[in-house]
Amino acid sequence: SFSVSPGRVTGFLGPNGAGKTTTLRCLLGLVAPTSGSATIGGRVYHDIPHPTRVVGSALEATGFHPGRNARNHLRVLARAGGVDERRADVTLELVGLADAAKRSVGGFSLGMRQRLQLAAALLGDPGVLVLDEPANGLDPEGIAWLRSFLRYLAAEGRTVLVSSHVLSEVEQTVDDVVIIANGRLV
């Protein structure tokens, strides 16, 4: 068991295969836990009214239609989540992709797709963020940007949970650390 606090960045660390992504999937109701429960604000994800306004998640930088531009990708997600489509431009600006809003996602680098996934997580202006390996594919400048951005989000009072298998990647960013190995808290 562990808790993640508002206004802090919590690193969720462990080697590849430790169970980080599976745990996050349980938290988001994508996988049923074999025992126990995972809650956000005391509620199971499926019981949260308007979940995109409560929790934003970025589990993989995939699921983009390669022919759709970044703005339209976010507009589709906003519409599906019951969020004002104008948030697409707001979140593109937040993650530094405003200049790429009309570019086809199929031509994005992995780092740009990571930023777009983060923009999608922020569409509902949620208080909780669940990010799985958000630094994957980012160059050193992008990693520095991500560190300061996560600190900014926490300073706004958001709860930020970031998984990684690279301690050095998050040591300059996190306030708290949860470490797992073989599916167990260590």
N, C-alpha and C. Protein backbone atom coordinates (compact mmCIF):
# COMPACT_ATOMS: atom_id res chain seq x y z
N SER A 1 0.84 -1.19 0.00
CA SER A 1 0.00 0.00 0.00
C SER A 1 0.87 1.24 0.00
N PHE A 2 0.41 2.26 -0.70
CA PHE A 2 1.07 3.56 -0.65
C PHE A 2 0.07 4.64 -1.03
N SER A 3 0.37 5.85 -0.62
CA SER A 3 -0.46 7.01 -0.94
C SER A 3 0.41 8.05 -1.64
N VAL A 4 -0.23 8.85 -2.47
CA VAL A 4 0.44 9.92 -3.19
C VAL A 4 -0.26 11.21 -2.80
N SER A 5 0.53 12.22 -2.44
CA SER A 5 -0.02 13.46 -1.89
C SER A 5 -0.13 14.59 -2.90
N PRO A 6 -1.14 15.45 -2.73
CA PRO A 6 -1.27 16.63 -3.58
C PRO A 6 -0.10 17.58 -3.37
N GLY A 7 0.24 18.31 -4.39
CA GLY A 7 1.30 19.31 -4.31
C GLY A 7 2.69 18.71 -4.31
N ARG A 8 2.78 17.44 -4.68
CA ARG A 8 4.07 16.75 -4.66
C ARG A 8 4.20 15.90 -5.92
N VAL A 9 5.44 15.67 -6.30
CA VAL A 9 5.74 14.75 -7.40
C VAL A 9 6.26 13.47 -6.75
N THR A 10 5.57 12.38 -7.00
CA THR A 10 5.96 11.09 -6.44
C THR A 10 6.53 10.23 -7.56
N GLY A 11 7.74 9.74 -7.34
CA GLY A 11 8.36 8.83 -8.29
C GLY A 11 7.97 7.41 -7.95
N PHE A 12 7.52 6.68 -8.96
CA PHE A 12 7.15 5.28 -8.80
C PHE A 12 8.20 4.47 -9.54
N LEU A 13 9.14 3.92 -8.79
CA LEU A 13 10.36 3.36 -9.37
C LEU A 13 10.45 1.85 -9.22
N GLY A 14 11.18 1.26 -10.14
CA GLY A 14 11.46 -0.17 -10.09
C GLY A 14 12.03 -0.60 -11.42
N PRO A 15 12.69 -1.76 -11.43
CA PRO A 15 13.27 -2.24 -12.68
C PRO A 15 12.18 -2.59 -13.71
N ASN A 16 12.59 -2.74 -14.95
CA ASN A 16 11.65 -3.21 -15.97
C ASN A 16 11.02 -4.51 -15.51
N GLY A 17 9.71 -4.63 -15.67
CA GLY A 17 9.02 -5.85 -15.27
C GLY A 17 8.63 -5.91 -13.81
N ALA A 18 8.88 -4.84 -13.06
CA ALA A 18 8.58 -4.84 -11.62
C ALA A 18 7.08 -4.78 -11.32
N GLY A 19 6.29 -4.28 -12.27
CA GLY A 19 4.85 -4.15 -12.06
C GLY A 19 4.36 -2.72 -12.03
N LYS A 20 5.20 -1.77 -12.43
CA LYS A 20 4.80 -0.36 -12.39
C LYS A 20 3.61 -0.09 -13.31
N THR A 21 3.72 -0.46 -14.56
CA THR A 21 2.65 -0.18 -15.51
C THR A 21 1.39 -0.94 -15.13
N THR A 22 1.52 -2.17 -14.68
CA THR A 22 0.35 -2.94 -14.26
C THR A 22 -0.35 -2.26 -13.08
N THR A 23 0.42 -1.76 -12.13
CA THR A 23 -0.15 -1.05 -10.99
C THR A 23 -0.91 0.19 -11.46
N LEU A 24 -0.31 0.95 -12.39
CA LEU A 24 -0.97 2.14 -12.91
C LEU A 24 -2.25 1.77 -13.67
N ARG A 25 -2.20 0.68 -14.40
CA ARG A 25 -3.39 0.21 -15.11
C ARG A 25 -4.49 -0.19 -14.12
N CYS A 26 -4.13 -0.79 -13.00
CA CYS A 26 -5.11 -1.10 -11.96
C CYS A 26 -5.71 0.18 -11.40
N LEU A 27 -4.88 1.16 -11.15
CA LEU A 27 -5.34 2.45 -10.64
C LEU A 27 -6.37 3.09 -11.57
N LEU A 28 -6.15 2.94 -12.88
CA LEU A 28 -7.02 3.57 -13.88
C LEU A 28 -8.15 2.66 -14.35
N GLY A 29 -8.31 1.51 -13.70
CA GLY A 29 -9.41 0.62 -14.04
C GLY A 29 -9.25 -0.12 -15.35
N LEU A 30 -8.04 -0.18 -15.85
CA LEU A 30 -7.79 -0.88 -17.12
C LEU A 30 -7.49 -2.35 -16.91
N VAL A 31 -7.08 -2.70 -15.69
CA VAL A 31 -6.78 -4.07 -15.31
C VAL A 31 -7.38 -4.28 -13.92
N ALA A 32 -8.00 -5.43 -13.73
CA ALA A 32 -8.57 -5.73 -12.41
C ALA A 32 -7.47 -6.32 -11.52
N PRO A 33 -7.27 -5.75 -10.35
CA PRO A 33 -6.27 -6.32 -9.44
C PRO A 33 -6.72 -7.70 -8.95
N THR A 34 -5.76 -8.57 -8.70
CA THR A 34 -6.10 -9.90 -8.18
C THR A 34 -6.59 -9.83 -6.74
N SER A 35 -6.15 -8.78 -6.03
CA SER A 35 -6.65 -8.54 -4.68
C SER A 35 -6.44 -7.07 -4.36
N GLY A 36 -7.13 -6.59 -3.35
CA GLY A 36 -6.99 -5.20 -2.95
C GLY A 36 -7.73 -4.26 -3.86
N SER A 37 -7.41 -2.98 -3.72
CA SER A 37 -8.07 -1.96 -4.54
C SER A 37 -7.11 -0.81 -4.79
N ALA A 38 -7.44 -0.05 -5.80
CA ALA A 38 -6.68 1.15 -6.12
C ALA A 38 -7.68 2.29 -6.27
N THR A 39 -7.46 3.37 -5.54
CA THR A 39 -8.42 4.46 -5.55
C THR A 39 -7.74 5.81 -5.81
N ILE A 40 -8.55 6.72 -6.27
CA ILE A 40 -8.13 8.10 -6.50
C ILE A 40 -9.10 8.97 -5.70
N GLY A 41 -8.57 9.66 -4.72
CA GLY A 41 -9.44 10.45 -3.85
C GLY A 41 -10.46 9.58 -3.12
N GLY A 42 -10.09 8.33 -2.84
CA GLY A 42 -10.97 7.42 -2.13
C GLY A 42 -11.99 6.71 -3.00
N ARG A 43 -11.94 6.95 -4.31
CA ARG A 43 -12.90 6.33 -5.23
C ARG A 43 -12.18 5.48 -6.27
N VAL A 44 -12.81 4.38 -6.63
CA VAL A 44 -12.32 3.58 -7.74
C VAL A 44 -12.55 4.40 -9.01
N TYR A 45 -11.61 4.34 -9.94
CA TYR A 45 -11.66 5.17 -11.16
C TYR A 45 -13.03 5.13 -11.83
N HIS A 46 -13.61 3.94 -11.97
CA HIS A 46 -14.90 3.80 -12.66
C HIS A 46 -16.04 4.53 -11.94
N ASP A 47 -15.87 4.84 -10.67
CA ASP A 47 -16.91 5.52 -9.90
C ASP A 47 -16.73 7.04 -9.87
N ILE A 48 -15.74 7.54 -10.54
CA ILE A 48 -15.48 8.99 -10.56
C ILE A 48 -16.33 9.64 -11.66
N PRO A 49 -17.23 10.56 -11.27
CA PRO A 49 -17.96 11.29 -12.30
C PRO A 49 -17.00 12.19 -13.07
N HIS A 50 -17.12 12.23 -14.37
CA HIS A 50 -16.25 13.06 -15.22
C HIS A 50 -14.77 12.82 -14.92
N PRO A 51 -14.30 11.59 -15.10
CA PRO A 51 -12.93 11.25 -14.70
C PRO A 51 -11.84 12.08 -15.38
N THR A 52 -12.06 12.54 -16.61
CA THR A 52 -11.01 13.33 -17.27
C THR A 52 -10.79 14.67 -16.58
N ARG A 53 -11.74 15.10 -15.78
CA ARG A 53 -11.58 16.35 -15.03
C ARG A 53 -10.92 16.12 -13.67
N VAL A 54 -10.78 14.85 -13.30
CA VAL A 54 -10.20 14.49 -12.00
C VAL A 54 -8.79 13.95 -12.16
N VAL A 55 -8.62 13.02 -13.11
CA VAL A 55 -7.32 12.38 -13.31
C VAL A 55 -6.96 12.37 -14.79
N GLY A 56 -5.74 12.77 -15.07
CA GLY A 56 -5.20 12.70 -16.42
C GLY A 56 -4.10 11.66 -16.43
N SER A 57 -4.06 10.86 -17.49
CA SER A 57 -3.05 9.81 -17.53
C SER A 57 -2.36 9.77 -18.89
N ALA A 58 -1.13 9.34 -18.85
CA ALA A 58 -0.34 9.13 -20.06
C ALA A 58 0.45 7.84 -19.84
N LEU A 59 -0.08 6.75 -20.39
CA LEU A 59 0.56 5.46 -20.17
C LEU A 59 1.51 5.09 -21.30
N GLU A 60 1.17 5.42 -22.52
CA GLU A 60 2.03 5.10 -23.65
C GLU A 60 1.86 6.20 -24.69
N ALA A 61 2.94 6.54 -25.37
CA ALA A 61 2.85 7.56 -26.41
C ALA A 61 2.44 6.90 -27.72
N THR A 62 1.28 6.24 -27.69
CA THR A 62 0.74 5.57 -28.86
C THR A 62 -0.74 5.92 -28.97
N GLY A 63 -1.41 5.34 -29.94
CA GLY A 63 -2.84 5.56 -30.07
C GLY A 63 -3.18 6.81 -30.85
N PHE A 64 -2.24 7.32 -31.61
CA PHE A 64 -2.48 8.51 -32.42
C PHE A 64 -2.82 8.09 -33.84
N HIS A 65 -3.77 8.75 -34.45
CA HIS A 65 -4.02 8.53 -35.88
C HIS A 65 -2.95 9.29 -36.64
N PRO A 66 -2.11 8.61 -37.41
CA PRO A 66 -0.95 9.26 -38.03
C PRO A 66 -1.31 10.39 -38.99
N GLY A 67 -2.52 10.38 -39.56
CA GLY A 67 -2.90 11.43 -40.49
C GLY A 67 -3.57 12.62 -39.85
N ARG A 68 -3.89 12.52 -38.57
CA ARG A 68 -4.58 13.62 -37.88
C ARG A 68 -3.55 14.58 -37.32
N ASN A 69 -3.85 15.87 -37.34
CA ASN A 69 -2.91 16.82 -36.75
C ASN A 69 -3.10 16.86 -35.23
N ALA A 70 -2.13 17.44 -34.55
CA ALA A 70 -2.11 17.43 -33.08
C ALA A 70 -3.36 18.09 -32.49
N ARG A 71 -3.74 19.23 -33.04
CA ARG A 71 -4.92 19.94 -32.51
C ARG A 71 -6.17 19.08 -32.65
N ASN A 72 -6.36 18.48 -33.82
CA ASN A 72 -7.56 17.68 -34.02
C ASN A 72 -7.54 16.41 -33.18
N HIS A 73 -6.37 15.84 -32.98
CA HIS A 73 -6.26 14.68 -32.08
C HIS A 73 -6.79 15.05 -30.70
N LEU A 74 -6.35 16.18 -30.18
CA LEU A 74 -6.78 16.61 -28.85
C LEU A 74 -8.25 17.00 -28.83
N ARG A 75 -8.74 17.59 -29.91
CA ARG A 75 -10.16 17.95 -29.97
C ARG A 75 -11.05 16.72 -29.90
N VAL A 76 -10.66 15.66 -30.58
CA VAL A 76 -11.42 14.41 -30.53
C VAL A 76 -11.44 13.87 -29.10
N LEU A 77 -10.28 13.87 -28.44
CA LEU A 77 -10.22 13.39 -27.06
C LEU A 77 -11.03 14.28 -26.12
N ALA A 78 -10.98 15.58 -26.34
CA ALA A 78 -11.75 16.50 -25.51
C ALA A 78 -13.25 16.22 -25.66
N ARG A 79 -13.68 16.08 -26.89
CA ARG A 79 -15.10 15.81 -27.14
C ARG A 79 -15.51 14.50 -26.45
N ALA A 80 -14.70 13.47 -26.57
CA ALA A 80 -15.01 12.18 -25.96
C ALA A 80 -15.05 12.27 -24.43
N GLY A 81 -14.23 13.15 -23.86
CA GLY A 81 -14.17 13.30 -22.41
C GLY A 81 -15.09 14.36 -21.85
N GLY A 82 -15.91 14.97 -22.71
CA GLY A 82 -16.83 16.00 -22.24
C GLY A 82 -16.14 17.29 -21.83
N VAL A 83 -15.01 17.58 -22.50
CA VAL A 83 -14.21 18.76 -22.20
C VAL A 83 -14.32 19.73 -23.36
N ASP A 84 -14.31 21.02 -23.07
CA ASP A 84 -14.35 22.05 -24.11
C ASP A 84 -13.18 21.86 -25.07
N GLU A 85 -13.48 21.80 -26.36
CA GLU A 85 -12.46 21.57 -27.38
C GLU A 85 -11.38 22.66 -27.40
N ARG A 86 -11.67 23.83 -26.87
CA ARG A 86 -10.66 24.91 -26.84
C ARG A 86 -9.49 24.56 -25.93
N ARG A 87 -9.69 23.58 -25.05
CA ARG A 87 -8.58 23.14 -24.19
C ARG A 87 -7.43 22.54 -25.01
N ALA A 88 -7.74 22.09 -26.23
CA ALA A 88 -6.69 21.52 -27.09
C ALA A 88 -5.56 22.53 -27.29
N ASP A 89 -5.91 23.76 -27.65
CA ASP A 89 -4.88 24.78 -27.87
C ASP A 89 -4.18 25.17 -26.57
N VAL A 90 -4.92 25.20 -25.49
CA VAL A 90 -4.34 25.54 -24.19
C VAL A 90 -3.28 24.51 -23.81
N THR A 91 -3.61 23.24 -23.95
CA THR A 91 -2.66 22.20 -23.53
C THR A 91 -1.49 22.09 -24.51
N LEU A 92 -1.72 22.33 -25.79
CA LEU A 92 -0.60 22.33 -26.74
C LEU A 92 0.40 23.42 -26.36
N GLU A 93 -0.10 24.56 -25.96
CA GLU A 93 0.77 25.65 -25.51
C GLU A 93 1.53 25.25 -24.25
N LEU A 94 0.82 24.63 -23.30
CA LEU A 94 1.45 24.22 -22.05
C LEU A 94 2.64 23.29 -22.25
N VAL A 95 2.52 22.38 -23.22
CA VAL A 95 3.58 21.38 -23.42
C VAL A 95 4.57 21.78 -24.52
N GLY A 96 4.45 23.00 -25.02
CA GLY A 96 5.42 23.48 -26.00
C GLY A 96 5.20 22.98 -27.42
N LEU A 97 3.97 22.61 -27.75
CA LEU A 97 3.69 22.12 -29.10
C LEU A 97 2.75 23.03 -29.89
N ALA A 98 2.57 24.26 -29.45
CA ALA A 98 1.64 25.16 -30.14
C ALA A 98 2.04 25.34 -31.61
N ASP A 99 3.33 25.43 -31.88
CA ASP A 99 3.78 25.61 -33.27
C ASP A 99 3.57 24.37 -34.13
N ALA A 100 3.33 23.23 -33.50
CA ALA A 100 3.13 21.97 -34.23
C ALA A 100 1.66 21.57 -34.27
N ALA A 101 0.76 22.46 -33.87
CA ALA A 101 -0.66 22.13 -33.76
C ALA A 101 -1.26 21.61 -35.06
N LYS A 102 -0.80 22.12 -36.20
CA LYS A 102 -1.37 21.72 -37.49
C LYS A 102 -0.56 20.65 -38.19
N ARG A 103 0.49 20.17 -37.53
CA ARG A 103 1.31 19.12 -38.13
C ARG A 103 0.70 17.75 -37.90
N SER A 104 0.89 16.87 -38.86
CA SER A 104 0.43 15.50 -38.76
C SER A 104 1.20 14.77 -37.66
N VAL A 105 0.47 14.08 -36.81
CA VAL A 105 1.08 13.36 -35.71
C VAL A 105 2.00 12.24 -36.22
N GLY A 106 1.71 11.73 -37.41
CA GLY A 106 2.54 10.68 -38.00
C GLY A 106 3.98 11.10 -38.21
N GLY A 107 4.22 12.39 -38.33
CA GLY A 107 5.58 12.90 -38.51
C GLY A 107 6.25 13.34 -37.22
N PHE A 108 5.60 13.12 -36.09
CA PHE A 108 6.16 13.53 -34.80
C PHE A 108 7.26 12.56 -34.36
N SER A 109 8.27 13.11 -33.71
CA SER A 109 9.29 12.28 -33.06
C SER A 109 8.67 11.67 -31.81
N LEU A 110 9.37 10.70 -31.22
CA LEU A 110 8.89 10.08 -29.99
C LEU A 110 8.74 11.14 -28.89
N GLY A 111 9.68 12.06 -28.79
CA GLY A 111 9.60 13.11 -27.79
C GLY A 111 8.39 14.00 -27.98
N MET A 112 8.07 14.32 -29.24
CA MET A 112 6.88 15.14 -29.52
C MET A 112 5.60 14.36 -29.18
N ARG A 113 5.60 13.06 -29.46
CA ARG A 113 4.43 12.24 -29.10
C ARG A 113 4.27 12.18 -27.58
N GLN A 114 5.39 12.14 -26.85
CA GLN A 114 5.31 12.16 -25.38
C GLN A 114 4.67 13.46 -24.92
N ARG A 115 5.07 14.57 -25.50
CA ARG A 115 4.49 15.86 -25.12
C ARG A 115 3.00 15.91 -25.48
N LEU A 116 2.65 15.35 -26.64
CA LEU A 116 1.25 15.33 -27.05
C LEU A 116 0.43 14.48 -26.09
N GLN A 117 0.99 13.37 -25.66
CA GLN A 117 0.30 12.51 -24.69
C GLN A 117 0.10 13.26 -23.37
N LEU A 118 1.08 14.05 -22.97
CA LEU A 118 0.96 14.86 -21.76
C LEU A 118 -0.12 15.94 -21.95
N ALA A 119 -0.17 16.54 -23.13
CA ALA A 119 -1.23 17.51 -23.43
C ALA A 119 -2.60 16.85 -23.30
N ALA A 120 -2.72 15.62 -23.80
CA ALA A 120 -3.98 14.90 -23.70
C ALA A 120 -4.36 14.65 -22.24
N ALA A 121 -3.38 14.32 -21.42
CA ALA A 121 -3.63 14.07 -20.00
C ALA A 121 -4.13 15.33 -19.29
N LEU A 122 -3.74 16.49 -19.79
CA LEU A 122 -4.10 17.76 -19.17
C LEU A 122 -5.40 18.37 -19.70
N LEU A 123 -6.03 17.73 -20.68
CA LEU A 123 -7.22 18.31 -21.30
C LEU A 123 -8.30 18.69 -20.31
N GLY A 124 -8.58 17.84 -19.35
CA GLY A 124 -9.65 18.12 -18.38
C GLY A 124 -9.21 18.97 -17.21
N ASP A 125 -7.97 19.49 -17.26
CA ASP A 125 -7.39 20.28 -16.17
C ASP A 125 -7.49 19.52 -14.84
N PRO A 126 -7.02 18.25 -14.84
CA PRO A 126 -7.21 17.39 -13.67
C PRO A 126 -6.29 17.75 -12.51
N GLY A 127 -6.71 17.36 -11.32
CA GLY A 127 -5.90 17.57 -10.13
C GLY A 127 -4.90 16.45 -9.90
N VAL A 128 -5.10 15.32 -10.59
CA VAL A 128 -4.23 14.17 -10.44
C VAL A 128 -3.66 13.80 -11.80
N LEU A 129 -2.36 13.55 -11.86
CA LEU A 129 -1.71 13.11 -13.10
C LEU A 129 -0.99 11.80 -12.84
N VAL A 130 -1.20 10.84 -13.72
CA VAL A 130 -0.56 9.53 -13.65
C VAL A 130 0.23 9.37 -14.95
N LEU A 131 1.55 9.39 -14.85
CA LEU A 131 2.40 9.39 -16.03
C LEU A 131 3.37 8.21 -16.00
N ASP A 132 3.31 7.39 -17.04
CA ASP A 132 4.15 6.21 -17.13
C ASP A 132 5.33 6.49 -18.06
N GLU A 133 6.51 6.58 -17.48
CA GLU A 133 7.76 6.81 -18.24
C GLU A 133 7.66 8.03 -19.17
N PRO A 134 7.28 9.19 -18.66
CA PRO A 134 7.07 10.35 -19.53
C PRO A 134 8.34 10.90 -20.17
N ALA A 135 9.51 10.53 -19.67
CA ALA A 135 10.76 11.05 -20.24
C ALA A 135 11.28 10.20 -21.40
N ASN A 136 10.64 9.05 -21.66
CA ASN A 136 11.07 8.21 -22.78
C ASN A 136 11.05 9.01 -24.08
N GLY A 137 12.14 8.97 -24.80
CA GLY A 137 12.20 9.64 -26.09
C GLY A 137 12.53 11.12 -26.04
N LEU A 138 12.65 11.67 -24.84
CA LEU A 138 12.98 13.09 -24.74
C LEU A 138 14.50 13.27 -24.78
N ASP A 139 14.93 14.31 -25.47
CA ASP A 139 16.35 14.65 -25.49
C ASP A 139 16.68 15.38 -24.18
N PRO A 140 17.96 15.66 -23.91
CA PRO A 140 18.32 16.31 -22.63
C PRO A 140 17.55 17.61 -22.38
N GLU A 141 17.34 18.41 -23.40
CA GLU A 141 16.57 19.65 -23.23
C GLU A 141 15.13 19.33 -22.86
N GLY A 142 14.55 18.30 -23.50
CA GLY A 142 13.19 17.88 -23.19
C GLY A 142 13.06 17.34 -21.79
N ILE A 143 14.07 16.61 -21.33
CA ILE A 143 14.05 16.08 -19.96
C ILE A 143 14.11 17.23 -18.95
N ALA A 144 14.94 18.22 -19.22
CA ALA A 144 15.02 19.39 -18.33
C ALA A 144 13.67 20.12 -18.30
N TRP A 145 13.05 20.26 -19.47
CA TRP A 145 11.73 20.89 -19.55
C TRP A 145 10.72 20.09 -18.73
N LEU A 146 10.72 18.76 -18.90
CA LEU A 146 9.76 17.91 -18.19
C LEU A 146 9.93 18.04 -16.69
N ARG A 147 11.16 18.04 -16.21
CA ARG A 147 11.40 18.19 -14.77
C ARG A 147 10.77 19.47 -14.23
N SER A 148 11.03 20.57 -14.90
CA SER A 148 10.48 21.85 -14.42
C SER A 148 8.96 21.88 -14.58
N PHE A 149 8.44 21.26 -15.63
CA PHE A 149 7.00 21.24 -15.85
C PHE A 149 6.28 20.44 -14.76
N LEU A 150 6.84 19.30 -14.40
CA LEU A 150 6.24 18.49 -13.34
C LEU A 150 6.27 19.24 -12.01
N ARG A 151 7.35 19.94 -11.74
CA ARG A 151 7.44 20.76 -10.52
C ARG A 151 6.37 21.86 -10.54
N TYR A 152 6.19 22.49 -11.71
CA TYR A 152 5.17 23.53 -11.88
C TYR A 152 3.78 22.96 -11.59
N LEU A 153 3.48 21.78 -12.14
CA LEU A 153 2.17 21.17 -11.93
C LEU A 153 1.94 20.86 -10.45
N ALA A 154 2.97 20.35 -9.78
CA ALA A 154 2.84 20.07 -8.35
C ALA A 154 2.67 21.36 -7.55
N ALA A 155 3.37 22.41 -7.94
CA ALA A 155 3.26 23.70 -7.25
C ALA A 155 1.85 24.27 -7.37
N GLU A 156 1.12 23.88 -8.40
CA GLU A 156 -0.28 24.28 -8.55
C GLU A 156 -1.20 23.50 -7.62
N GLY A 157 -0.64 22.52 -6.90
CA GLY A 157 -1.42 21.71 -5.98
C GLY A 157 -1.86 20.38 -6.55
N ARG A 158 -1.40 20.05 -7.74
CA ARG A 158 -1.78 18.77 -8.36
C ARG A 158 -1.00 17.62 -7.72
N THR A 159 -1.58 16.45 -7.80
CA THR A 159 -0.93 15.22 -7.38
C THR A 159 -0.30 14.62 -8.62
N VAL A 160 1.01 14.39 -8.60
CA VAL A 160 1.72 13.91 -9.78
C VAL A 160 2.43 12.60 -9.43
N LEU A 161 2.04 11.53 -10.11
CA LEU A 161 2.66 10.22 -9.95
C LEU A 161 3.37 9.86 -11.25
N VAL A 162 4.68 9.67 -11.17
CA VAL A 162 5.51 9.45 -12.36
C VAL A 162 6.28 8.15 -12.20
N SER A 163 6.07 7.21 -13.12
CA SER A 163 6.82 5.96 -13.05
C SER A 163 8.09 6.07 -13.88
N SER A 164 9.09 5.31 -13.47
CA SER A 164 10.35 5.24 -14.20
C SER A 164 11.14 4.04 -13.73
N HIS A 165 12.01 3.55 -14.58
CA HIS A 165 12.93 2.51 -14.14
C HIS A 165 14.34 3.07 -14.00
N VAL A 166 14.48 4.40 -14.22
CA VAL A 166 15.78 5.05 -14.16
C VAL A 166 15.78 6.06 -13.02
N LEU A 167 16.43 5.72 -11.91
CA LEU A 167 16.47 6.60 -10.74
C LEU A 167 17.05 7.95 -11.08
N SER A 168 18.14 7.99 -11.85
CA SER A 168 18.79 9.26 -12.17
C SER A 168 17.88 10.18 -12.96
N GLU A 169 16.90 9.61 -13.65
CA GLU A 169 15.97 10.38 -14.45
C GLU A 169 15.03 11.22 -13.60
N VAL A 170 14.69 10.70 -12.42
CA VAL A 170 13.70 11.38 -11.59
C VAL A 170 14.26 11.98 -10.30
N GLU A 171 15.51 11.68 -9.98
CA GLU A 171 16.03 12.11 -8.69
C GLU A 171 16.05 13.61 -8.51
N GLN A 172 16.10 14.36 -9.61
CA GLN A 172 16.12 15.82 -9.51
C GLN A 172 14.72 16.42 -9.48
N THR A 173 13.70 15.57 -9.58
CA THR A 173 12.34 16.06 -9.73
C THR A 173 11.42 15.69 -8.59
N VAL A 174 11.53 14.47 -8.07
CA VAL A 174 10.52 13.95 -7.16
C VAL A 174 10.71 14.42 -5.72
N ASP A 175 9.57 14.47 -5.04
CA ASP A 175 9.56 14.78 -3.61
C ASP A 175 9.53 13.49 -2.80
N ASP A 176 8.82 12.51 -3.31
CA ASP A 176 8.63 11.23 -2.62
C ASP A 176 8.93 10.11 -3.60
N VAL A 177 9.28 8.95 -3.05
CA VAL A 177 9.61 7.80 -3.88
C VAL A 177 8.89 6.57 -3.37
N VAL A 178 8.33 5.80 -4.30
CA VAL A 178 7.77 4.49 -4.02
C VAL A 178 8.54 3.53 -4.90
N ILE A 179 9.13 2.50 -4.32
CA ILE A 179 9.93 1.56 -5.09
C ILE A 179 9.29 0.17 -5.01
N ILE A 180 9.12 -0.46 -6.18
CA ILE A 180 8.60 -1.82 -6.20
C ILE A 180 9.55 -2.73 -6.96
N ALA A 181 9.47 -4.00 -6.65
CA ALA A 181 10.21 -5.04 -7.36
C ALA A 181 9.36 -6.31 -7.29
N ASN A 182 9.27 -6.97 -8.42
CA ASN A 182 8.46 -8.21 -8.50
C ASN A 182 7.04 -8.01 -7.95
N GLY A 183 6.46 -6.85 -8.24
CA GLY A 183 5.08 -6.59 -7.83
C GLY A 183 4.91 -6.30 -6.35
N ARG A 184 5.98 -6.08 -5.63
CA ARG A 184 5.90 -5.83 -4.18
C ARG A 184 6.59 -4.53 -3.82
N LEU A 185 6.00 -3.84 -2.85
CA LEU A 185 6.59 -2.61 -2.35
C LEU A 185 7.87 -2.93 -1.58
N VAL A 186 8.94 -2.28 -1.96
CA VAL A 186 10.20 -2.49 -1.24
C VAL A 186 10.67 -1.20 -0.59
